[in-house]
Amino acid sequence: MPTSNHHKGIEFAGPATYRIVVQGALSADWSDRLGGLAITTTRQAGRIPQTTLAGGIRDQAELSGVLETLYSLHLPILKVEQVEDEA
């Protein structure tokens, strides 16, 4: 018997805002290559830097392209999350 599900699901068909965290430093010059995402690198003494990419991504194909680019740069992906628009 089907159950009623009132939880809001993740929509994969359209645009969404994402936050992606990778291990390592990435220059802001990569923003255009990564869909115009904002790039912020944090450094703590004695630790490997982490870079956060944040912004709008049109669809899953664009998200896949961003992740593939990060993978090809050998930056370990620590977190990918869809976030609510902050506007």
PDB file of N, CA and C in Angstrom:
ATOM      1  N   MET A   1       0.832  -1.163   0.000  1.00  0.00           N
ATOM      2  CA  MET A   1       0.000   0.000   0.000  1.00  0.00           C
ATOM      3  C   MET A   1       0.891   1.245   0.000  1.00  0.00           C
ATOM      4  N   PRO A   2       0.680   2.181  -0.925  1.00  0.00           N
ATOM      5  CA  PRO A   2       1.523   3.381  -0.976  1.00  0.00           C
ATOM      6  C   PRO A   2       1.322   4.245   0.260  1.00  0.00           C
ATOM      7  N   THR A   3       2.386   4.886   0.675  1.00  0.00           N
ATOM      8  CA  THR A   3       2.299   5.788   1.810  1.00  0.00           C
ATOM      9  C   THR A   3       2.400   7.223   1.328  1.00  0.00           C
ATOM     10  N   SER A   4       1.800   8.109   2.055  1.00  0.00           N
ATOM     11  CA  SER A   4       1.851   9.522   1.726  1.00  0.00           C
ATOM     12  C   SER A   4       3.182  10.092   2.191  1.00  0.00           C
ATOM     13  N   ASN A   5       3.861  10.809   1.302  1.00  0.00           N
ATOM     14  CA  ASN A   5       5.143  11.403   1.645  1.00  0.00           C
ATOM     15  C   ASN A   5       5.019  12.912   1.501  1.00  0.00           C
ATOM     16  N   HIS A   6       5.047  13.615   2.604  1.00  0.00           N
ATOM     17  CA  HIS A   6       4.894  15.063   2.586  1.00  0.00           C
ATOM     18  C   HIS A   6       6.231  15.781   2.678  1.00  0.00           C
ATOM     19  N   HIS A   7       7.342  15.066   2.554  1.00  0.00           N
ATOM     20  CA  HIS A   7       8.659  15.679   2.615  1.00  0.00           C
ATOM     21  C   HIS A   7       8.993  16.298   1.269  1.00  0.00           C
ATOM     22  N   LYS A   8       9.613  17.451   1.321  1.00  0.00           N
ATOM     23  CA  LYS A   8      10.055  18.104   0.100  1.00  0.00           C
ATOM     24  C   LYS A   8      11.277  17.366  -0.424  1.00  0.00           C
ATOM     25  N   GLY A   9      11.198  16.908  -1.653  1.00  0.00           N
ATOM     26  CA  GLY A   9      12.308  16.190  -2.249  1.00  0.00           C
ATOM     27  C   GLY A   9      13.264  17.136  -2.954  1.00  0.00           C
ATOM     28  N   ILE A  10      14.414  16.643  -3.287  1.00  0.00           N
ATOM     29  CA  ILE A  10      15.391  17.418  -4.042  1.00  0.00           C
ATOM     30  C   ILE A  10      14.989  17.389  -5.504  1.00  0.00           C
ATOM     31  N   GLU A  11      14.931  18.550  -6.115  1.00  0.00           N
ATOM     32  CA  GLU A  11      14.608  18.658  -7.532  1.00  0.00           C
ATOM     33  C   GLU A  11      15.903  18.648  -8.336  1.00  0.00           C
ATOM     34  N   PHE A  12      16.031  17.728  -9.268  1.00  0.00           N
ATOM     35  CA  PHE A  12      17.242  17.623 -10.065  1.00  0.00           C
ATOM     36  C   PHE A  12      17.089  18.185 -11.469  1.00  0.00           C
ATOM     37  N   ALA A  13      15.881  18.598 -11.845  1.00  0.00           N
ATOM     38  CA  ALA A  13      15.635  19.004 -13.221  1.00  0.00           C
ATOM     39  C   ALA A  13      16.009  20.450 -13.504  1.00  0.00           C
ATOM     40  N   GLY A  14      16.062  21.293 -12.498  1.00  0.00           N
ATOM     41  CA  GLY A  14      16.282  22.707 -12.749  1.00  0.00           C
ATOM     42  C   GLY A  14      17.433  23.274 -11.953  1.00  0.00           C
ATOM     43  N   PRO A  15      17.533  24.590 -11.949  1.00  0.00           N
ATOM     44  CA  PRO A  15      18.642  25.242 -11.257  1.00  0.00           C
ATOM     45  C   PRO A  15      18.529  25.119  -9.738  1.00  0.00           C
ATOM     46  N   ALA A  16      19.686  25.155  -9.089  1.00  0.00           N
ATOM     47  CA  ALA A  16      19.755  25.087  -7.632  1.00  0.00           C
ATOM     48  C   ALA A  16      21.053  25.741  -7.180  1.00  0.00           C
ATOM     49  N   THR A  17      21.108  26.068  -5.907  1.00  0.00           N
ATOM     50  CA  THR A  17      22.315  26.631  -5.317  1.00  0.00           C
ATOM     51  C   THR A  17      23.067  25.516  -4.593  1.00  0.00           C
ATOM     52  N   TYR A  18      24.375  25.456  -4.843  1.00  0.00           N
ATOM     53  CA  TYR A  18      25.205  24.401  -4.265  1.00  0.00           C
ATOM     54  C   TYR A  18      26.379  24.987  -3.504  1.00  0.00           C
ATOM     55  N   ARG A  19      26.854  24.211  -2.541  1.00  0.00           N
ATOM     56  CA  ARG A  19      28.106  24.477  -1.842  1.00  0.00           C
ATOM     57  C   ARG A  19      28.943  23.205  -1.970  1.00  0.00           C
ATOM     58  N   ILE A  20      30.141  23.368  -2.500  1.00  0.00           N
ATOM     59  CA  ILE A  20      31.048  22.238  -2.720  1.00  0.00           C
ATOM     60  C   ILE A  20      32.339  22.555  -1.973  1.00  0.00           C
ATOM     61  N   VAL A  21      32.818  21.615  -1.173  1.00  0.00           N
ATOM     62  CA  VAL A  21      34.063  21.806  -0.425  1.00  0.00           C
ATOM     63  C   VAL A  21      35.075  20.770  -0.893  1.00  0.00           C
ATOM     64  N   VAL A  22      36.281  21.256  -1.222  1.00  0.00           N
ATOM     65  CA  VAL A  22      37.358  20.362  -1.639  1.00  0.00           C
ATOM     66  C   VAL A  22      38.570  20.578  -0.752  1.00  0.00           C
ATOM     67  N   GLN A  23      39.403  19.564  -0.681  1.00  0.00           N
ATOM     68  CA  GLN A  23      40.654  19.665   0.052  1.00  0.00           C
ATOM     69  C   GLN A  23      41.691  20.244  -0.893  1.00  0.00           C
ATOM     70  N   GLY A  24      42.368  21.290  -0.443  1.00  0.00           N
ATOM     71  CA  GLY A  24      43.384  21.924  -1.266  1.00  0.00           C
ATOM     72  C   GLY A  24      42.989  23.343  -1.629  1.00  0.00           C
ATOM     73  N   ALA A  25      43.943  24.064  -2.196  1.00  0.00           N
ATOM     74  CA  ALA A  25      43.724  25.458  -2.568  1.00  0.00           C
ATOM     75  C   ALA A  25      43.413  25.547  -4.046  1.00  0.00           C
ATOM     76  N   LEU A  26      42.470  26.408  -4.377  1.00  0.00           N
ATOM     77  CA  LEU A  26      42.082  26.636  -5.761  1.00  0.00           C
ATOM     78  C   LEU A  26      41.966  28.136  -5.960  1.00  0.00           C
ATOM     79  N   SER A  27      42.647  28.635  -6.965  1.00  0.00           N
ATOM     80  CA  SER A  27      42.635  30.068  -7.256  1.00  0.00           C
ATOM     81  C   SER A  27      41.265  30.514  -7.728  1.00  0.00           C
ATOM     82  N   ALA A  28      40.905  31.750  -7.391  1.00  0.00           N
ATOM     83  CA  ALA A  28      39.645  32.332  -7.851  1.00  0.00           C
ATOM     84  C   ALA A  28      39.610  32.453  -9.369  1.00  0.00           C
ATOM     85  N   ASP A  29      40.764  32.366 -10.022  1.00  0.00           N
ATOM     86  CA  ASP A  29      40.836  32.407 -11.485  1.00  0.00           C
ATOM     87  C   ASP A  29      40.071  31.254 -12.133  1.00  0.00           C
ATOM     88  N   TRP A  30      39.803  30.209 -11.384  1.00  0.00           N
ATOM     89  CA  TRP A  30      39.088  29.043 -11.903  1.00  0.00           C
ATOM     90  C   TRP A  30      37.577  29.245 -11.950  1.00  0.00           C
ATOM     91  N   SER A  31      37.086  30.338 -11.422  1.00  0.00           N
ATOM     92  CA  SER A  31      35.645  30.552 -11.327  1.00  0.00           C
ATOM     93  C   SER A  31      34.933  30.412 -12.670  1.00  0.00           C
ATOM     94  N   ASP A  32      35.460  31.036 -13.721  1.00  0.00           N
ATOM     95  CA  ASP A  32      34.809  30.940 -15.034  1.00  0.00           C
ATOM     96  C   ASP A  32      34.739  29.508 -15.524  1.00  0.00           C
ATOM     97  N   ARG A  33      35.786  28.743 -15.294  1.00  0.00           N
ATOM     98  CA  ARG A  33      35.826  27.331 -15.729  1.00  0.00           C
ATOM     99  C   ARG A  33      34.868  26.471 -14.905  1.00  0.00           C
ATOM    100  N   LEU A  34      34.501  26.966 -13.728  1.00  0.00           N
ATOM    101  CA  LEU A  34      33.646  26.204 -12.819  1.00  0.00           C
ATOM    102  C   LEU A  34      32.268  26.840 -12.699  1.00  0.00           C
ATOM    103  N   GLY A  35      31.714  27.262 -13.799  1.00  0.00           N
ATOM    104  CA  GLY A  35      30.344  27.753 -13.842  1.00  0.00           C
ATOM    105  C   GLY A  35      30.099  29.073 -13.138  1.00  0.00           C
ATOM    106  N   GLY A  36      31.159  29.860 -12.908  1.00  0.00           N
ATOM    107  CA  GLY A  36      30.992  31.153 -12.246  1.00  0.00           C
ATOM    108  C   GLY A  36      30.801  31.058 -10.744  1.00  0.00           C
ATOM    109  N   LEU A  37      31.094  29.907 -10.162  1.00  0.00           N
ATOM    110  CA  LEU A  37      30.939  29.744  -8.714  1.00  0.00           C
ATOM    111  C   LEU A  37      31.927  30.632  -7.966  1.00  0.00           C
ATOM    112  N   ALA A  38      31.508  31.147  -6.817  1.00  0.00           N
ATOM    113  CA  ALA A  38      32.404  31.908  -5.938  1.00  0.00           C
ATOM    114  C   ALA A  38      33.365  30.927  -5.289  1.00  0.00           C
ATOM    115  N   ILE A  39      34.633  31.296  -5.233  1.00  0.00           N
ATOM    116  CA  ILE A  39      35.669  30.407  -4.695  1.00  0.00           C
ATOM    117  C   ILE A  39      36.330  31.083  -3.503  1.00  0.00           C
ATOM    118  N   THR A  40      36.322  30.374  -2.363  1.00  0.00           N
ATOM    119  CA  THR A  40      36.930  30.876  -1.139  1.00  0.00           C
ATOM    120  C   THR A  40      37.815  29.787  -0.556  1.00  0.00           C
ATOM    121  N   THR A  41      39.078  30.121  -0.300  1.00  0.00           N
ATOM    122  CA  THR A  41      40.003  29.155   0.300  1.00  0.00           C
ATOM    123  C   THR A  41      40.315  29.576   1.723  1.00  0.00           C
ATOM    124  N   THR A  42      40.220  28.613   2.646  1.00  0.00           N
ATOM    125  CA  THR A  42      40.560  28.872   4.049  1.00  0.00           C
ATOM    126  C   THR A  42      41.802  28.073   4.402  1.00  0.00           C
ATOM    127  N   ARG A  43      42.672  28.724   5.152  1.00  0.00           N
ATOM    128  CA  ARG A  43      43.915  28.092   5.576  1.00  0.00           C
ATOM    129  C   ARG A  43      44.020  28.173   7.098  1.00  0.00           C
ATOM    130  N   GLN A  44      44.371  27.048   7.716  1.00  0.00           N
ATOM    131  CA  GLN A  44      44.621  27.013   9.150  1.00  0.00           C
ATOM    132  C   GLN A  44      46.027  26.477   9.346  1.00  0.00           C
ATOM    133  N   ALA A  45      46.753  27.052  10.278  1.00  0.00           N
ATOM    134  CA  ALA A  45      48.140  26.660  10.520  1.00  0.00           C
ATOM    135  C   ALA A  45      48.250  25.154  10.727  1.00  0.00           C
ATOM    136  N   GLY A  46      49.162  24.552  10.019  1.00  0.00           N
ATOM    137  CA  GLY A  46      49.426  23.123  10.184  1.00  0.00           C
ATOM    138  C   GLY A  46      48.415  22.209   9.526  1.00  0.00           C
ATOM    139  N   ARG A  47      47.473  22.753   8.756  1.00  0.00           N
ATOM    140  CA  ARG A  47      46.441  21.933   8.125  1.00  0.00           C
ATOM    141  C   ARG A  47      46.413  22.207   6.626  1.00  0.00           C
ATOM    142  N   ILE A  48      45.928  21.240   5.895  1.00  0.00           N
ATOM    143  CA  ILE A  48      45.770  21.389   4.456  1.00  0.00           C
ATOM    144  C   ILE A  48      44.626  22.377   4.207  1.00  0.00           C
ATOM    145  N   PRO A  49      44.802  23.328   3.281  1.00  0.00           N
ATOM    146  CA  PRO A  49      43.720  24.282   3.009  1.00  0.00           C
ATOM    147  C   PRO A  49      42.481  23.589   2.459  1.00  0.00           C
ATOM    148  N   GLN A  50      41.347  24.239   2.639  1.00  0.00           N
ATOM    149  CA  GLN A  50      40.085  23.779   2.057  1.00  0.00           C
ATOM    150  C   GLN A  50      39.505  24.913   1.230  1.00  0.00           C
ATOM    151  N   THR A  51      38.928  24.552   0.098  1.00  0.00           N
ATOM    152  CA  THR A  51      38.313  25.536  -0.784  1.00  0.00           C
ATOM    153  C   THR A  51      36.822  25.249  -0.870  1.00  0.00           C
ATOM    154  N   THR A  52      36.027  26.314  -0.733  1.00  0.00           N
ATOM    155  CA  THR A  52      34.575  26.216  -0.858  1.00  0.00           C
ATOM    156  C   THR A  52      34.153  26.921  -2.132  1.00  0.00           C
ATOM    157  N   LEU A  53      33.348  26.236  -2.932  1.00  0.00           N
ATOM    158  CA  LEU A  53      32.759  26.807  -4.134  1.00  0.00           C
ATOM    159  C   LEU A  53      31.270  26.924  -3.862  1.00  0.00           C
ATOM    160  N   ALA A  54      30.697  28.076  -4.168  1.00  0.00           N
ATOM    161  CA  ALA A  54      29.282  28.273  -3.886  1.00  0.00           C
ATOM    162  C   ALA A  54      28.628  29.098  -4.983  1.00  0.00           C
ATOM    163  N   GLY A  55      27.383  28.731  -5.285  1.00  0.00           N
ATOM    164  CA  GLY A  55      26.628  29.513  -6.250  1.00  0.00           C
ATOM    165  C   GLY A  55      25.620  28.665  -6.990  1.00  0.00           C
ATOM    166  N   GLY A  56      24.994  29.297  -7.957  1.00  0.00           N
ATOM    167  CA  GLY A  56      23.951  28.638  -8.730  1.00  0.00           C
ATOM    168  C   GLY A  56      24.505  27.735  -9.804  1.00  0.00           C
ATOM    169  N   ILE A  57      23.872  26.591  -9.949  1.00  0.00           N
ATOM    170  CA  ILE A  57      24.198  25.628 -10.999  1.00  0.00           C
ATOM    171  C   ILE A  57      22.907  25.314 -11.728  1.00  0.00           C
ATOM    172  N   ARG A  58      22.949  25.395 -13.064  1.00  0.00           N
ATOM    173  CA  ARG A  58      21.735  25.285 -13.875  1.00  0.00           C
ATOM    174  C   ARG A  58      21.041  23.938 -13.799  1.00  0.00           C
ATOM    175  N   ASP A  59      21.833  22.854 -13.814  1.00  0.00           N
ATOM    176  CA  ASP A  59      21.229  21.519 -13.850  1.00  0.00           C
ATOM    177  C   ASP A  59      22.269  20.478 -13.458  1.00  0.00           C
ATOM    178  N   GLN A  60      21.865  19.234 -13.468  1.00  0.00           N
ATOM    179  CA  GLN A  60      22.761  18.151 -13.059  1.00  0.00           C
ATOM    180  C   GLN A  60      23.931  17.979 -14.024  1.00  0.00           C
ATOM    181  N   ALA A  61      23.741  18.301 -15.295  1.00  0.00           N
ATOM    182  CA  ALA A  61      24.836  18.209 -16.259  1.00  0.00           C
ATOM    183  C   ALA A  61      25.939  19.208 -15.896  1.00  0.00           C
ATOM    184  N   GLU A  62      25.546  20.425 -15.530  1.00  0.00           N
ATOM    185  CA  GLU A  62      26.549  21.422 -15.139  1.00  0.00           C
ATOM    186  C   GLU A  62      27.231  21.011 -13.837  1.00  0.00           C
ATOM    187  N   LEU A  63      26.464  20.488 -12.881  1.00  0.00           N
ATOM    188  CA  LEU A  63      27.051  20.008 -11.630  1.00  0.00           C
ATOM    189  C   LEU A  63      28.067  18.906 -11.913  1.00  0.00           C
ATOM    190  N   SER A  64      27.722  17.991 -12.776  1.00  0.00           N
ATOM    191  CA  SER A  64      28.633  16.908 -13.144  1.00  0.00           C
ATOM    192  C   SER A  64      29.921  17.466 -13.756  1.00  0.00           C
ATOM    193  N   GLY A  65      29.802  18.487 -14.603  1.00  0.00           N
ATOM    194  CA  GLY A  65      30.981  19.105 -15.213  1.00  0.00           C
ATOM    195  C   GLY A  65      31.883  19.761 -14.184  1.00  0.00           C
ATOM    196  N   VAL A  66      31.292  20.448 -13.204  1.00  0.00           N
ATOM    197  CA  VAL A  66      32.073  21.074 -12.145  1.00  0.00           C
ATOM    198  C   VAL A  66      32.816  20.002 -11.342  1.00  0.00           C
ATOM    199  N   LEU A  67      32.106  18.952 -10.958  1.00  0.00           N
ATOM    200  CA  LEU A  67      32.731  17.883 -10.165  1.00  0.00           C
ATOM    201  C   LEU A  67      33.825  17.179 -10.955  1.00  0.00           C
ATOM    202  N   GLU A  68      33.603  16.976 -12.242  1.00  0.00           N
ATOM    203  CA  GLU A  68      34.620  16.333 -13.097  1.00  0.00           C
ATOM    204  C   GLU A  68      35.874  17.198 -13.190  1.00  0.00           C
ATOM    205  N   THR A  69      35.683  18.514 -13.295  1.00  0.00           N
ATOM    206  CA  THR A  69      36.839  19.420 -13.349  1.00  0.00           C
ATOM    207  C   THR A  69      37.630  19.354 -12.054  1.00  0.00           C
ATOM    208  N   LEU A  70      36.940  19.377 -10.915  1.00  0.00           N
ATOM    209  CA  LEU A  70      37.621  19.279  -9.627  1.00  0.00           C
ATOM    210  C   LEU A  70      38.369  17.954  -9.506  1.00  0.00           C
ATOM    211  N   TYR A  71      37.746  16.885  -9.971  1.00  0.00           N
ATOM    212  CA  TYR A  71      38.382  15.560  -9.936  1.00  0.00           C
ATOM    213  C   TYR A  71      39.644  15.554 -10.802  1.00  0.00           C
ATOM    214  N   SER A  72      39.560  16.161 -11.986  1.00  0.00           N
ATOM    215  CA  SER A  72      40.711  16.166 -12.891  1.00  0.00           C
ATOM    216  C   SER A  72      41.861  17.011 -12.340  1.00  0.00           C
ATOM    217  N   LEU A  73      41.541  17.944 -11.430  1.00  0.00           N
ATOM    218  CA  LEU A  73      42.573  18.739 -10.766  1.00  0.00           C
ATOM    219  C   LEU A  73      43.143  18.023  -9.539  1.00  0.00           C
ATOM    220  N   HIS A  74      42.675  16.811  -9.284  1.00  0.00           N
ATOM    221  CA  HIS A  74      43.127  15.986  -8.155  1.00  0.00           C
ATOM    222  C   HIS A  74      42.834  16.648  -6.809  1.00  0.00           C
ATOM    223  N   LEU A  75      41.686  17.332  -6.733  1.00  0.00           N
ATOM    224  CA  LEU A  75      41.247  17.926  -5.467  1.00  0.00           C
ATOM    225  C   LEU A  75      40.202  17.015  -4.842  1.00  0.00           C
ATOM    226  N   PRO A  76      40.523  16.378  -3.719  1.00  0.00           N
ATOM    227  CA  PRO A  76      39.545  15.509  -3.073  1.00  0.00           C
ATOM    228  C   PRO A  76      38.271  16.284  -2.709  1.00  0.00           C
ATOM    229  N   ILE A  77      37.134  15.752  -3.125  1.00  0.00           N
ATOM    230  CA  ILE A  77      35.847  16.388  -2.852  1.00  0.00           C
ATOM    231  C   ILE A  77      35.370  15.933  -1.473  1.00  0.00           C
ATOM    232  N   LEU A  78      35.213  16.889  -0.567  1.00  0.00           N
ATOM    233  CA  LEU A  78      34.830  16.583   0.807  1.00  0.00           C
ATOM    234  C   LEU A  78      33.328  16.671   1.036  1.00  0.00           C
ATOM    235  N   LYS A  79      32.653  17.601   0.298  1.00  0.00           N
ATOM    236  CA  LYS A  79      31.228  17.789   0.531  1.00  0.00           C
ATOM    237  C   LYS A  79      30.586  18.426  -0.690  1.00  0.00           C
ATOM    238  N   VAL A  80      29.400  17.934  -1.032  1.00  0.00           N
ATOM    239  CA  VAL A  80      28.557  18.552  -2.047  1.00  0.00           C
ATOM    240  C   VAL A  80      27.173  18.648  -1.433  1.00  0.00           C
ATOM    241  N   GLU A  81      26.646  19.870  -1.349  1.00  0.00           N
ATOM    242  CA  GLU A  81      25.315  20.012  -0.772  1.00  0.00           C
ATOM    243  C   GLU A  81      24.503  21.054  -1.523  1.00  0.00           C
ATOM    244  N   GLN A  82      23.227  20.742  -1.694  1.00  0.00           N
ATOM    245  CA  GLN A  82      22.294  21.708  -2.250  1.00  0.00           C
ATOM    246  C   GLN A  82      21.813  22.546  -1.082  1.00  0.00           C
ATOM    247  N   VAL A  83      21.874  23.856  -1.232  1.00  0.00           N
ATOM    248  CA  VAL A  83      21.487  24.756  -0.151  1.00  0.00           C
ATOM    249  C   VAL A  83      20.354  25.658  -0.599  1.00  0.00           C
ATOM    250  N   GLU A  84      19.645  26.192   0.372  1.00  0.00           N
ATOM    251  CA  GLU A  84      18.575  27.140   0.072  1.00  0.00           C
ATOM    252  C   GLU A  84      19.197  28.430  -0.433  1.00  0.00           C
ATOM    253  N   ASP A  85      18.545  29.063  -1.386  1.00  0.00           N
ATOM    254  CA  ASP A  85      19.014  30.374  -1.847  1.00  0.00           C
ATOM    255  C   ASP A  85      19.029  31.343  -0.688  1.00  0.00           C
ATOM    256  N   GLU A  86      20.113  32.107  -0.574  1.00  0.00           N
ATOM    257  CA  GLU A  86      20.255  33.044   0.529  1.00  0.00           C
ATOM    258  C   GLU A  86      19.721  34.416   0.173  1.00  0.00           C
ATOM    259  N   ALA A  87      19.219  34.585  -1.053  1.00  0.00           N
ATOM    260  CA  ALA A  87      18.709  35.897  -1.487  1.00  0.00           C
ATOM    261  C   ALA A  87      17.320  36.139  -0.961  1.00  0.00           C
TER     262      ALA A  87
END
